PDB file of N, CA and C in Angstrom:
ATOM      1  N   MET A   1     -11.039 102.245 -36.111  1.00  0.00           N
ATOM      2  CA  MET A   1     -10.120 102.143 -34.902  1.00  0.00           C
ATOM      3  C   MET A   1     -10.106 100.871 -34.206  1.00  0.00           C
ATOM      4  N   ALA A   2      -9.053 100.377 -33.967  1.00  0.00           N
ATOM      5  CA  ALA A   2      -8.915  98.997 -33.324  1.00  0.00           C
ATOM      6  C   ALA A   2      -8.969  99.315 -31.936  1.00  0.00           C
ATOM      7  N   ILE A   3      -9.631  98.278 -31.149  1.00  0.00           N
ATOM      8  CA  ILE A   3      -9.736  98.275 -29.858  1.00  0.00           C
ATOM      9  C   ILE A   3      -8.718  97.271 -29.193  1.00  0.00           C
ATOM     10  N   ASP A   4      -7.900  97.587 -28.332  1.00  0.00           N
ATOM     11  CA  ASP A   4      -6.944  96.590 -27.739  1.00  0.00           C
ATOM     12  C   ASP A   4      -7.487  96.045 -26.503  1.00  0.00           C
ATOM     13  N   LEU A   5      -8.087  94.813 -26.488  1.00  0.00           N
ATOM     14  CA  LEU A   5      -8.557  94.283 -25.223  1.00  0.00           C
ATOM     15  C   LEU A   5      -7.407  93.506 -24.501  1.00  0.00           C
ATOM     16  N   PRO A   6      -7.469  93.758 -23.167  1.00  0.00           N
ATOM     17  CA  PRO A   6      -6.543  93.039 -22.242  1.00  0.00           C
ATOM     18  C   PRO A   6      -6.672  91.529 -22.448  1.00  0.00           C
ATOM     19  N   GLY A   7      -5.542  90.879 -22.647  1.00  0.00           N
ATOM     20  CA  GLY A   7      -5.594  89.349 -22.651  1.00  0.00           C
ATOM     21  C   GLY A   7      -5.857  88.861 -24.139  1.00  0.00           C
ATOM     22  N   SER A   8      -6.081  89.769 -25.040  1.00  0.00           N
ATOM     23  CA  SER A   8      -6.344  89.176 -26.377  1.00  0.00           C
ATOM     24  C   SER A   8      -5.068  88.731 -27.090  1.00  0.00           C
ATOM     25  N   HIS A   9      -3.928  89.387 -26.750  1.00  0.00           N
ATOM     26  CA  HIS A   9      -2.649  88.941 -27.360  1.00  0.00           C
ATOM     27  C   HIS A   9      -2.279  87.513 -26.714  1.00  0.00           C
ATOM     28  N   HIS A  10      -2.621  87.224 -25.498  1.00  0.00           N
ATOM     29  CA  HIS A  10      -2.396  85.922 -24.842  1.00  0.00           C
ATOM     30  C   HIS A  10      -3.097  84.899 -25.586  1.00  0.00           C
ATOM     31  N   ARG A  11      -4.338  85.162 -25.938  1.00  0.00           N
ATOM     32  CA  ARG A  11      -5.142  84.070 -26.579  1.00  0.00           C
ATOM     33  C   ARG A  11      -4.552  83.864 -27.967  1.00  0.00           C
ATOM     34  N   GLY A  12      -4.085  84.864 -28.703  1.00  0.00           N
ATOM     35  CA  GLY A  12      -3.682  84.794 -30.009  1.00  0.00           C
ATOM     36  C   GLY A  12      -2.349  83.954 -29.981  1.00  0.00           C
ATOM     37  N   SER A  13      -1.434  84.271 -29.064  1.00  0.00           N
ATOM     38  CA  SER A  13      -0.125  83.589 -29.012  1.00  0.00           C
ATOM     39  C   SER A  13      -0.470  82.105 -28.431  1.00  0.00           C
ATOM     40  N   GLY A  14      -1.437  81.887 -27.641  1.00  0.00           N
ATOM     41  CA  GLY A  14      -1.680  80.594 -27.190  1.00  0.00           C
ATOM     42  C   GLY A  14      -2.265  79.717 -28.183  1.00  0.00           C
ATOM     43  N   LEU A  15      -3.071  80.302 -29.091  1.00  0.00           N
ATOM     44  CA  LEU A  15      -3.522  79.513 -30.351  1.00  0.00           C
ATOM     45  C   LEU A  15      -2.343  79.122 -31.233  1.00  0.00           C
ATOM     46  N   VAL A  16      -1.508  80.132 -31.493  1.00  0.00           N
ATOM     47  CA  VAL A  16      -0.269  79.973 -32.270  1.00  0.00           C
ATOM     48  C   VAL A  16       0.516  78.812 -31.690  1.00  0.00           C
ATOM     49  N   ASP A  17       0.689  78.827 -30.295  1.00  0.00           N
ATOM     50  CA  ASP A  17       1.641  77.712 -29.679  1.00  0.00           C
ATOM     51  C   ASP A  17       1.104  76.398 -29.815  1.00  0.00           C
ATOM     52  N   VAL A  18      -0.415  76.312 -29.667  1.00  0.00           N
ATOM     53  CA  VAL A  18      -1.016  75.075 -29.841  1.00  0.00           C
ATOM     54  C   VAL A  18      -0.947  74.504 -31.245  1.00  0.00           C
ATOM     55  N   LEU A  19      -1.214  75.427 -32.285  1.00  0.00           N
ATOM     56  CA  LEU A  19      -1.108  75.033 -33.659  1.00  0.00           C
ATOM     57  C   LEU A  19       0.381  74.581 -33.943  1.00  0.00           C
ATOM     58  N   ASP A  20       1.326  75.428 -33.408  1.00  0.00           N
ATOM     59  CA  ASP A  20       2.759  74.961 -33.605  1.00  0.00           C
ATOM     60  C   ASP A  20       3.082  73.567 -33.233  1.00  0.00           C
ATOM     61  N   ARG A  21       2.593  73.381 -31.954  1.00  0.00           N
ATOM     62  CA  ARG A  21       2.876  72.065 -31.285  1.00  0.00           C
ATOM     63  C   ARG A  21       2.229  70.950 -32.015  1.00  0.00           C
ATOM     64  N   VAL A  22       0.929  71.185 -32.450  1.00  0.00           N
ATOM     65  CA  VAL A  22       0.149  70.144 -33.168  1.00  0.00           C
ATOM     66  C   VAL A  22       0.908  69.836 -34.496  1.00  0.00           C
ATOM     67  N   LEU A  23       1.341  70.840 -35.235  1.00  0.00           N
ATOM     68  CA  LEU A  23       2.006  70.558 -36.540  1.00  0.00           C
ATOM     69  C   LEU A  23       3.375  70.029 -36.280  1.00  0.00           C
ATOM     70  N   ASP A  24       3.997  70.283 -35.201  1.00  0.00           N
ATOM     71  CA  ASP A  24       5.339  69.737 -34.957  1.00  0.00           C
ATOM     72  C   ASP A  24       5.133  68.215 -34.632  1.00  0.00           C
ATOM     73  N   LYS A  25       4.388  68.007 -33.657  1.00  0.00           N
ATOM     74  CA  LYS A  25       4.296  66.573 -33.140  1.00  0.00           C
ATOM     75  C   LYS A  25       3.287  65.733 -33.893  1.00  0.00           C
ATOM     76  N   GLY A  26       2.135  66.401 -34.517  1.00  0.00           N
ATOM     77  CA  GLY A  26       1.196  65.661 -35.224  1.00  0.00           C
ATOM     78  C   GLY A  26       0.020  65.392 -34.312  1.00  0.00           C
ATOM     79  N   LEU A  27      -1.071  65.105 -34.960  1.00  0.00           N
ATOM     80  CA  LEU A  27      -2.364  64.846 -34.152  1.00  0.00           C
ATOM     81  C   LEU A  27      -3.150  63.831 -35.050  1.00  0.00           C
ATOM     82  N   VAL A  28      -3.588  62.766 -34.485  1.00  0.00           N
ATOM     83  CA  VAL A  28      -4.325  61.721 -35.149  1.00  0.00           C
ATOM     84  C   VAL A  28      -5.620  61.617 -34.625  1.00  0.00           C
ATOM     85  N   ILE A  29      -6.685  61.649 -35.424  1.00  0.00           N
ATOM     86  CA  ILE A  29      -8.044  61.412 -35.059  1.00  0.00           C
ATOM     87  C   ILE A  29      -8.537  60.166 -35.795  1.00  0.00           C
ATOM     88  N   ALA A  30      -9.026  59.199 -35.046  1.00  0.00           N
ATOM     89  CA  ALA A  30      -9.456  58.052 -35.712  1.00  0.00           C
ATOM     90  C   ALA A  30     -10.759  57.563 -35.224  1.00  0.00           C
ATOM     91  N   GLY A  31     -11.677  57.136 -36.046  1.00  0.00           N
ATOM     92  CA  GLY A  31     -12.917  56.728 -35.617  1.00  0.00           C
ATOM     93  C   GLY A  31     -13.536  55.621 -36.698  1.00  0.00           C
ATOM     94  N   ASP A  32     -14.491  54.907 -36.157  1.00  0.00           N
ATOM     95  CA  ASP A  32     -15.151  53.981 -37.031  1.00  0.00           C
ATOM     96  C   ASP A  32     -16.701  54.306 -36.984  1.00  0.00           C
ATOM     97  N   ILE A  33     -17.452  54.156 -38.059  1.00  0.00           N
ATOM     98  CA  ILE A  33     -18.832  54.370 -38.027  1.00  0.00           C
ATOM     99  C   ILE A  33     -19.429  53.015 -38.626  1.00  0.00           C
ATOM    100  N   ARG A  34     -20.319  52.454 -37.848  1.00  0.00           N
ATOM    101  CA  ARG A  34     -20.879  51.200 -38.242  1.00  0.00           C
ATOM    102  C   ARG A  34     -22.328  51.237 -38.176  1.00  0.00           C
ATOM    103  N   VAL A  35     -22.942  50.759 -39.401  1.00  0.00           N
ATOM    104  CA  VAL A  35     -24.406  50.854 -39.423  1.00  0.00           C
ATOM    105  C   VAL A  35     -24.846  49.323 -39.471  1.00  0.00           C
ATOM    106  N   SER A  36     -25.725  48.934 -38.555  1.00  0.00           N
ATOM    107  CA  SER A  36     -26.155  47.570 -38.397  1.00  0.00           C
ATOM    108  C   SER A  36     -27.598  47.544 -38.335  1.00  0.00           C
ATOM    109  N   LEU A  37     -28.223  46.430 -38.637  1.00  0.00           N
ATOM    110  CA  LEU A  37     -29.679  46.267 -38.704  1.00  0.00           C
ATOM    111  C   LEU A  37     -29.839  44.750 -38.334  1.00  0.00           C
ATOM    112  N   ALA A  38     -30.456  44.505 -37.167  1.00  0.00           N
ATOM    113  CA  ALA A  38     -30.689  43.096 -36.666  1.00  0.00           C
ATOM    114  C   ALA A  38     -29.305  42.357 -36.667  1.00  0.00           C
ATOM    115  N   GLU A  39     -28.365  42.964 -36.043  1.00  0.00           N
ATOM    116  CA  GLU A  39     -27.012  42.441 -35.897  1.00  0.00           C
ATOM    117  C   GLU A  39     -26.319  41.992 -37.186  1.00  0.00           C
ATOM    118  N   VAL A  40     -26.874  42.595 -38.278  1.00  0.00           N
ATOM    119  CA  VAL A  40     -26.198  42.393 -39.491  1.00  0.00           C
ATOM    120  C   VAL A  40     -25.459  43.835 -39.952  1.00  0.00           C
ATOM    121  N   GLU A  41     -24.239  43.799 -40.190  1.00  0.00           N
ATOM    122  CA  GLU A  41     -23.440  44.938 -40.445  1.00  0.00           C
ATOM    123  C   GLU A  41     -23.793  45.345 -41.872  1.00  0.00           C
ATOM    124  N   LEU A  42     -24.337  46.531 -42.038  1.00  0.00           N
ATOM    125  CA  LEU A  42     -24.527  46.955 -43.397  1.00  0.00           C
ATOM    126  C   LEU A  42     -23.504  47.837 -44.048  1.00  0.00           C
ATOM    127  N   LEU A  43     -22.961  48.645 -43.220  1.00  0.00           N
ATOM    128  CA  LEU A  43     -21.973  49.645 -43.636  1.00  0.00           C
ATOM    129  C   LEU A  43     -20.903  49.941 -42.609  1.00  0.00           C
ATOM    130  N   THR A  44     -19.745  50.068 -43.033  1.00  0.00           N
ATOM    131  CA  THR A  44     -18.692  50.433 -42.150  1.00  0.00           C
ATOM    132  C   THR A  44     -17.831  51.547 -42.831  1.00  0.00           C
ATOM    133  N   ILE A  45     -17.647  52.677 -42.030  1.00  0.00           N
ATOM    134  CA  ILE A  45     -16.897  53.831 -42.609  1.00  0.00           C
ATOM    135  C   ILE A  45     -15.774  53.903 -41.664  1.00  0.00           C
ATOM    136  N   ARG A  46     -14.492  53.861 -42.064  1.00  0.00           N
ATOM    137  CA  ARG A  46     -13.249  54.193 -41.248  1.00  0.00           C
ATOM    138  C   ARG A  46     -12.826  55.573 -41.581  1.00  0.00           C
ATOM    139  N   ILE A  47     -12.546  56.252 -40.543  1.00  0.00           N
ATOM    140  CA  ILE A  47     -12.142  57.587 -40.737  1.00  0.00           C
ATOM    141  C   ILE A  47     -10.811  57.768 -40.019  1.00  0.00           C
ATOM    142  N   ARG A  48      -9.778  58.295 -40.691  1.00  0.00           N
ATOM    143  CA  ARG A  48      -8.500  58.606 -40.095  1.00  0.00           C
ATOM    144  C   ARG A  48      -8.043  59.822 -40.592  1.00  0.00           C
ATOM    145  N   LEU A  49      -7.749  60.608 -39.673  1.00  0.00           N
ATOM    146  CA  LEU A  49      -7.267  62.034 -39.890  1.00  0.00           C
ATOM    147  C   LEU A  49      -5.991  62.369 -39.212  1.00  0.00           C
ATOM    148  N   LEU A  50      -4.956  62.634 -40.047  1.00  0.00           N
ATOM    149  CA  LEU A  50      -3.658  63.128 -39.496  1.00  0.00           C
ATOM    150  C   LEU A  50      -3.409  64.621 -39.809  1.00  0.00           C
ATOM    151  N   VAL A  51      -3.147  65.340 -38.721  1.00  0.00           N
ATOM    152  CA  VAL A  51      -2.805  66.623 -38.997  1.00  0.00           C
ATOM    153  C   VAL A  51      -1.394  66.945 -38.460  1.00  0.00           C
ATOM    154  N   CYS A  52      -0.453  67.202 -39.408  1.00  0.00           N
ATOM    155  CA  CYS A  52       0.952  67.509 -39.033  1.00  0.00           C
ATOM    156  C   CYS A  52       1.520  68.427 -40.192  1.00  0.00           C
ATOM    157  N   SER A  53       2.757  68.908 -39.971  1.00  0.00           N
ATOM    158  CA  SER A  53       3.382  69.567 -40.931  1.00  0.00           C
ATOM    159  C   SER A  53       3.956  68.669 -42.058  1.00  0.00           C
ATOM    160  N   LEU A  54       4.323  69.317 -43.238  1.00  0.00           N
ATOM    161  CA  LEU A  54       4.821  68.508 -44.260  1.00  0.00           C
ATOM    162  C   LEU A  54       6.196  67.832 -43.920  1.00  0.00           C
ATOM    163  N   ASP A  55       6.991  68.501 -43.041  1.00  0.00           N
ATOM    164  CA  ASP A  55       8.252  67.937 -42.709  1.00  0.00           C
ATOM    165  C   ASP A  55       8.023  66.754 -41.824  1.00  0.00           C
ATOM    166  N   LYS A  56       7.068  66.838 -40.901  1.00  0.00           N
ATOM    167  CA  LYS A  56       6.748  65.754 -39.961  1.00  0.00           C
ATOM    168  C   LYS A  56       6.215  64.509 -40.726  1.00  0.00           C
ATOM    169  N   ALA A  57       5.334  64.813 -41.832  1.00  0.00           N
ATOM    170  CA  ALA A  57       4.846  63.737 -42.622  1.00  0.00           C
ATOM    171  C   ALA A  57       5.954  63.093 -43.359  1.00  0.00           C
ATOM    172  N   GLN A  58       6.874  63.804 -43.892  1.00  0.00           N
ATOM    173  CA  GLN A  58       7.977  63.121 -44.549  1.00  0.00           C
ATOM    174  C   GLN A  58       8.866  62.273 -43.648  1.00  0.00           C
ATOM    175  N   GLU A  59       8.916  62.834 -42.452  1.00  0.00           N
ATOM    176  CA  GLU A  59       9.798  62.276 -41.395  1.00  0.00           C
ATOM    177  C   GLU A  59       9.174  60.686 -41.102  1.00  0.00           C
ATOM    178  N   ILE A  60       7.873  60.672 -41.071  1.00  0.00           N
ATOM    179  CA  ILE A  60       7.245  59.400 -40.762  1.00  0.00           C
ATOM    180  C   ILE A  60       6.829  58.534 -41.956  1.00  0.00           C
ATOM    181  N   GLY A  61       7.208  58.996 -43.004  1.00  0.00           N
ATOM    182  CA  GLY A  61       7.043  58.274 -44.318  1.00  0.00           C
ATOM    183  C   GLY A  61       5.748  58.449 -45.017  1.00  0.00           C
ATOM    184  N   LEU A  62       5.085  59.517 -44.711  1.00  0.00           N
ATOM    185  CA  LEU A  62       3.699  59.887 -45.465  1.00  0.00           C
ATOM    186  C   LEU A  62       3.923  60.884 -46.506  1.00  0.00           C
ATOM    187  N   ASP A  63       4.688  60.644 -47.451  1.00  0.00           N
ATOM    188  CA  ASP A  63       4.945  61.712 -48.399  1.00  0.00           C
ATOM    189  C   ASP A  63       4.311  61.102 -49.795  1.00  0.00           C
ATOM    190  N   TRP A  64       3.074  60.766 -49.760  1.00  0.00           N
ATOM    191  CA  TRP A  64       2.323  60.173 -50.935  1.00  0.00           C
ATOM    192  C   TRP A  64       2.070  61.275 -51.916  1.00  0.00           C
ATOM    193  N   TRP A  65       2.076  62.607 -51.569  1.00  0.00           N
ATOM    194  CA  TRP A  65       1.688  63.613 -52.518  1.00  0.00           C
ATOM    195  C   TRP A  65       2.888  63.837 -53.450  1.00  0.00           C
ATOM    196  N   ARG A  66       4.085  63.403 -53.109  1.00  0.00           N
ATOM    197  CA  ARG A  66       5.227  63.487 -54.096  1.00  0.00           C
ATOM    198  C   ARG A  66       5.039  62.707 -55.366  1.00  0.00           C
ATOM    199  N   TYR A  67       4.335  61.485 -55.236  1.00  0.00           N
ATOM    200  CA  TYR A  67       4.321  60.646 -56.234  1.00  0.00           C
ATOM    201  C   TYR A  67       2.711  60.757 -56.924  1.00  0.00           C
ATOM    202  N   ASP A  68       1.978  61.540 -56.465  1.00  0.00           N
ATOM    203  CA  ASP A  68       0.599  61.691 -56.906  1.00  0.00           C
ATOM    204  C   ASP A  68       0.782  62.731 -58.179  1.00  0.00           C
ATOM    205  N   ARG A  69       0.389  62.223 -59.280  1.00  0.00           N
ATOM    206  CA  ARG A  69       0.596  63.273 -60.558  1.00  0.00           C
ATOM    207  C   ARG A  69      -0.218  64.343 -60.548  1.00  0.00           C
ATOM    208  N   ASP A  70      -1.358  64.362 -59.850  1.00  0.00           N
ATOM    209  CA  ASP A  70      -2.336  65.490 -59.729  1.00  0.00           C
ATOM    210  C   ASP A  70      -1.943  66.564 -58.676  1.00  0.00           C
ATOM    211  N   LEU A  71      -0.989  66.097 -57.739  1.00  0.00           N
ATOM    212  CA  LEU A  71      -0.605  67.121 -56.708  1.00  0.00           C
ATOM    213  C   LEU A  71       0.840  67.556 -56.890  1.00  0.00           C
ATOM    214  N   SER A  72       1.547  67.005 -57.918  1.00  0.00           N
ATOM    215  CA  SER A  72       2.921  67.346 -58.129  1.00  0.00           C
ATOM    216  C   SER A  72       3.043  67.853 -59.605  1.00  0.00           C
ATOM    217  N   PRO A  73       2.938  69.187 -59.712  1.00  0.00           N
ATOM    218  CA  PRO A  73       2.962  69.842 -61.014  1.00  0.00           C
ATOM    219  C   PRO A  73       4.325  69.736 -61.621  1.00  0.00           C
ATOM    220  N   GLY A  74       5.376  69.762 -60.839  1.00  0.00           N
ATOM    221  CA  GLY A  74       6.807  69.554 -61.427  1.00  0.00           C
ATOM    222  C   GLY A  74       6.918  68.122 -62.118  1.00  0.00           C
ATOM    223  N   LYS A  75       6.345  67.133 -61.396  1.00  0.00           N
ATOM    224  CA  LYS A  75       6.459  65.792 -62.050  1.00  0.00           C
ATOM    225  C   LYS A  75       5.597  65.662 -63.316  1.00  0.00           C
ATOM    226  N   LEU A  76       4.389  66.372 -63.203  1.00  0.00           N
ATOM    227  CA  LEU A  76       3.487  66.343 -64.321  1.00  0.00           C
ATOM    228  C   LEU A  76       4.192  66.917 -65.567  1.00  0.00           C
ATOM    229  N   ARG A  77       4.903  67.948 -65.355  1.00  0.00           N
ATOM    230  CA  ARG A  77       5.655  68.633 -66.631  1.00  0.00           C
ATOM    231  C   ARG A  77       6.644  67.680 -66.976  1.00  0.00           C
ATOM    232  N   GLY A  78       7.345  66.963 -66.242  1.00  0.00           N
ATOM    233  CA  GLY A  78       8.392  65.901 -66.564  1.00  0.00           C
ATOM    234  C   GLY A  78       7.665  64.765 -67.246  1.00  0.00           C
ATOM    235  N   SER A  79       6.522  64.327 -66.900  1.00  0.00           N
ATOM    236  CA  SER A  79       5.932  63.236 -67.521  1.00  0.00           C
ATOM    237  C   SER A  79       5.302  63.688 -68.999  1.00  0.00           C
ATOM    238  N   ILE A  80       4.970  64.966 -69.196  1.00  0.00           N
ATOM    239  CA  ILE A  80       4.485  65.490 -70.353  1.00  0.00           C
ATOM    240  C   ILE A  80       5.666  65.435 -71.362  1.00  0.00           C
ATOM    241  N   ALA A  81       6.828  65.862 -70.883  1.00  0.00           N
ATOM    242  CA  ALA A  81       8.154  65.763 -71.762  1.00  0.00           C
ATOM    243  C   ALA A  81       8.464  64.361 -72.090  1.00  0.00           C
ATOM    244  N   GLU A  82       8.184  63.520 -71.152  1.00  0.00           N
ATOM    245  CA  GLU A  82       8.591  62.046 -71.404  1.00  0.00           C
ATOM    246  C   GLU A  82       7.585  61.502 -72.466  1.00  0.00           C
ATOM    247  N   ASN A  83       6.312  61.952 -72.306  1.00  0.00           N
ATOM    248  CA  ASN A  83       5.231  61.415 -73.269  1.00  0.00           C
ATOM    249  C   ASN A  83       5.542  61.837 -74.587  1.00  0.00           C
ATOM    250  N   GLU A  84       6.037  63.142 -74.757  1.00  0.00           N
ATOM    251  CA  GLU A  84       6.311  63.665 -76.076  1.00  0.00           C
ATOM    252  C   GLU A  84       7.547  62.863 -76.690  1.00  0.00           C
ATOM    253  N   ASN A  85       8.472  62.506 -75.794  1.00  0.00           N
ATOM    254  CA  ASN A  85       9.647  61.684 -76.380  1.00  0.00           C
ATOM    255  C   ASN A  85       9.176  60.347 -76.779  1.00  0.00           C
ATOM    256  N   LEU A  86       8.212  59.709 -75.939  1.00  0.00           N
ATOM    257  CA  LEU A  86       7.732  58.497 -76.352  1.00  0.00           C
ATOM    258  C   LEU A  86       6.897  58.494 -77.750  1.00  0.00           C
ATOM    259  N   ARG A  87       6.138  59.459 -77.851  1.00  0.00           N
ATOM    260  CA  ARG A  87       5.399  59.662 -79.128  1.00  0.00           C
ATOM    261  C   ARG A  87       6.274  59.846 -80.303  1.00  0.00           C
ATOM    262  N   ALA A  88       7.387  60.639 -80.069  1.00  0.00           N
ATOM    263  CA  ALA A  88       8.383  60.745 -81.275  1.00  0.00           C
ATOM    264  C   ALA A  88       8.979  59.484 -81.503  1.00  0.00           C
ATOM    265  N   GLU A  89       9.260  58.628 -80.659  1.00  0.00           N
ATOM    266  CA  GLU A  89       9.890  57.321 -80.771  1.00  0.00           C
ATOM    267  C   GLU A  89       8.880  56.504 -81.510  1.00  0.00           C
ATOM    268  N   ILE A  90       7.678  56.476 -81.171  1.00  0.00           N
ATOM    269  CA  ILE A  90       6.555  55.678 -81.748  1.00  0.00           C
ATOM    270  C   ILE A  90       6.442  56.110 -83.256  1.00  0.00           C
ATOM    271  N   ARG A  91       6.466  57.394 -83.574  1.00  0.00           N
ATOM    272  CA  ARG A  91       6.376  57.859 -84.886  1.00  0.00           C
ATOM    273  C   ARG A  91       7.599  57.268 -85.802  1.00  0.00           C
ATOM    274  N   LYS A  92       8.759  57.307 -85.138  1.00  0.00           N
ATOM    275  CA  LYS A  92       9.959  56.844 -85.873  1.00  0.00           C
ATOM    276  C   LYS A  92       9.781  55.334 -86.174  1.00  0.00           C
ATOM    277  N   LEU A  93       9.340  54.463 -85.206  1.00  0.00           N
ATOM    278  CA  LEU A  93       9.149  53.165 -85.417  1.00  0.00           C
ATOM    279  C   LEU A  93       8.119  52.849 -86.457  1.00  0.00           C
ATOM    280  N   GLN A  94       6.969  53.656 -86.402  1.00  0.00           N
ATOM    281  CA  GLN A  94       5.894  53.486 -87.374  1.00  0.00           C
ATOM    282  C   GLN A  94       6.483  53.687 -88.815  1.00  0.00           C
ATOM    283  N   ALA A  95       7.304  54.726 -88.884  1.00  0.00           N
ATOM    284  CA  ALA A  95       7.947  54.992 -90.281  1.00  0.00           C
ATOM    285  C   ALA A  95       8.761  53.946 -90.775  1.00  0.00           C
ATOM    286  N   ARG A  96       9.494  53.329 -89.665  1.00  0.00           N
ATOM    287  CA  ARG A  96      10.479  52.065 -90.082  1.00  0.00           C
ATOM    288  C   ARG A  96       9.572  50.950 -90.561  1.00  0.00           C
ATOM    289  N   VAL A  97       8.424  50.785 -89.871  1.00  0.00           N
ATOM    290  CA  VAL A  97       7.651  49.560 -90.124  1.00  0.00           C
ATOM    291  C   VAL A  97       6.955  49.785 -91.524  1.00  0.00           C
ATOM    292  N   GLU A  98       6.555  50.892 -91.746  1.00  0.00           N
ATOM    293  CA  GLU A  98       5.973  51.307 -93.107  1.00  0.00           C
ATOM    294  C   GLU A  98       6.995  51.041 -94.294  1.00  0.00           C
ATOM    295  N   ALA A  99       8.184  51.679 -93.912  1.00  0.00           N
ATOM    296  CA  ALA A  99       9.336  51.419 -94.942  1.00  0.00           C
ATOM    297  C   ALA A  99       9.545  49.932 -95.254  1.00  0.00           C
ATOM    298  N   LEU A 100       9.662  49.086 -94.051  1.00  0.00           N
ATOM    299  CA  LEU A 100       9.943  47.601 -94.346  1.00  0.00           C
ATOM    300  C   LEU A 100       8.798  47.039 -95.007  1.00  0.00           C
ATOM    301  N   THR A 101       7.675  47.311 -94.498  1.00  0.00           N
ATOM    302  CA  THR A 101       6.415  46.697 -95.277  1.00  0.00           C
ATOM    303  C   THR A 101       6.404  47.043 -96.804  1.00  0.00           C
ATOM    304  N   ALA A 102       6.767  48.318 -97.095  1.00  0.00           N
ATOM    305  CA  ALA A 102       6.700  48.714 -98.470  1.00  0.00           C
ATOM    306  C   ALA A 102       7.962  47.953 -99.293  1.00  0.00           C
ATOM    307  N   THR A 103       8.982  47.844 -98.589  1.00  0.00           N
ATOM    308  CA  THR A 103      10.197  47.150 -99.228  1.00  0.00           C
ATOM    309  C   THR A 103       9.794  45.687 -99.498  1.00  0.00           C
ATOM    310  N   ARG A 104       9.125  44.898 -98.515  1.00  0.00           N
ATOM    311  CA  ARG A 104       8.769  43.636 -98.549  1.00  0.00           C
ATOM    312  C   ARG A 104       7.734  43.351 -99.697  1.00  0.00           C
ATOM    313  N   GLY A 105       6.828  44.283 -99.695  1.00  0.00           N
ATOM    314  CA  GLY A 105       5.670  44.217-100.590  1.00  0.00           C
ATOM    315  C   GLY A 105       6.219  44.388-102.097  1.00  0.00           C
ATOM    316  N   GLY A 106       7.252  45.175-102.279  1.00  0.00           N
ATOM    317  CA  GLY A 106       7.912  45.349-103.597  1.00  0.00           C
ATOM    318  C   GLY A 106       8.574  44.136-104.001  1.00  0.00           C
ATOM    319  N   SER A 107       9.304  43.464-103.029  1.00  0.00           N
ATOM    320  CA  SER A 107      10.131  42.363-103.468  1.00  0.00           C
ATOM    321  C   SER A 107       9.236  41.166-103.734  1.00  0.00           C
ATOM    322  N   ARG A 108       8.088  41.084-103.092  1.00  0.00           N
ATOM    323  CA  ARG A 108       7.137  39.913-103.319  1.00  0.00           C
ATOM    324  C   ARG A 108       6.550  40.124-104.764  1.00  0.00           C
ATOM    325  N   ARG A 109       6.337  41.325-105.143  1.00  0.00           N
ATOM    326  CA  ARG A 109       5.819  41.588-106.537  1.00  0.00           C
ATOM    327  C   ARG A 109       6.827  41.120-107.605  1.00  0.00           C
ATOM    328  N   ARG A 110       8.040  41.291-107.246  1.00  0.00           N
ATOM    329  CA  ARG A 110       9.000  41.013-108.346  1.00  0.00           C
ATOM    330  C   ARG A 110       9.146  39.556-108.466  1.00  0.00           C
ATOM    331  N   ARG A 111       8.805  38.685-107.586  1.00  0.00           N
ATOM    332  CA  ARG A 111       9.022  37.278-107.790  1.00  0.00           C
ATOM    333  C   ARG A 111       7.867  36.790-108.461  1.00  0.00           C
TER     334      ARG A 111
END
């Protein structure tokens, strides 16, 4: 049995509104972590986090996932077909080279 608490709908819709606004406008969190010893910097870690919708990311030019072969299954399938075409072309070229090599070898023997 669900219990309806007063104000619980307001919190849920408030969270949805905040999330919608963050995804629509975007949120950037940036920070640096530096580890130094005796004023000698040993390690620097730069952290950048961008939270936004895919539409917003494309709008600002951050659509790197479209070109990443591991994240674009459609492109991967296309590259597999392209690889098969290239392999077939290589097989044809190898057969031609072998045929030319055999022909040249035969003509040398005749001389």
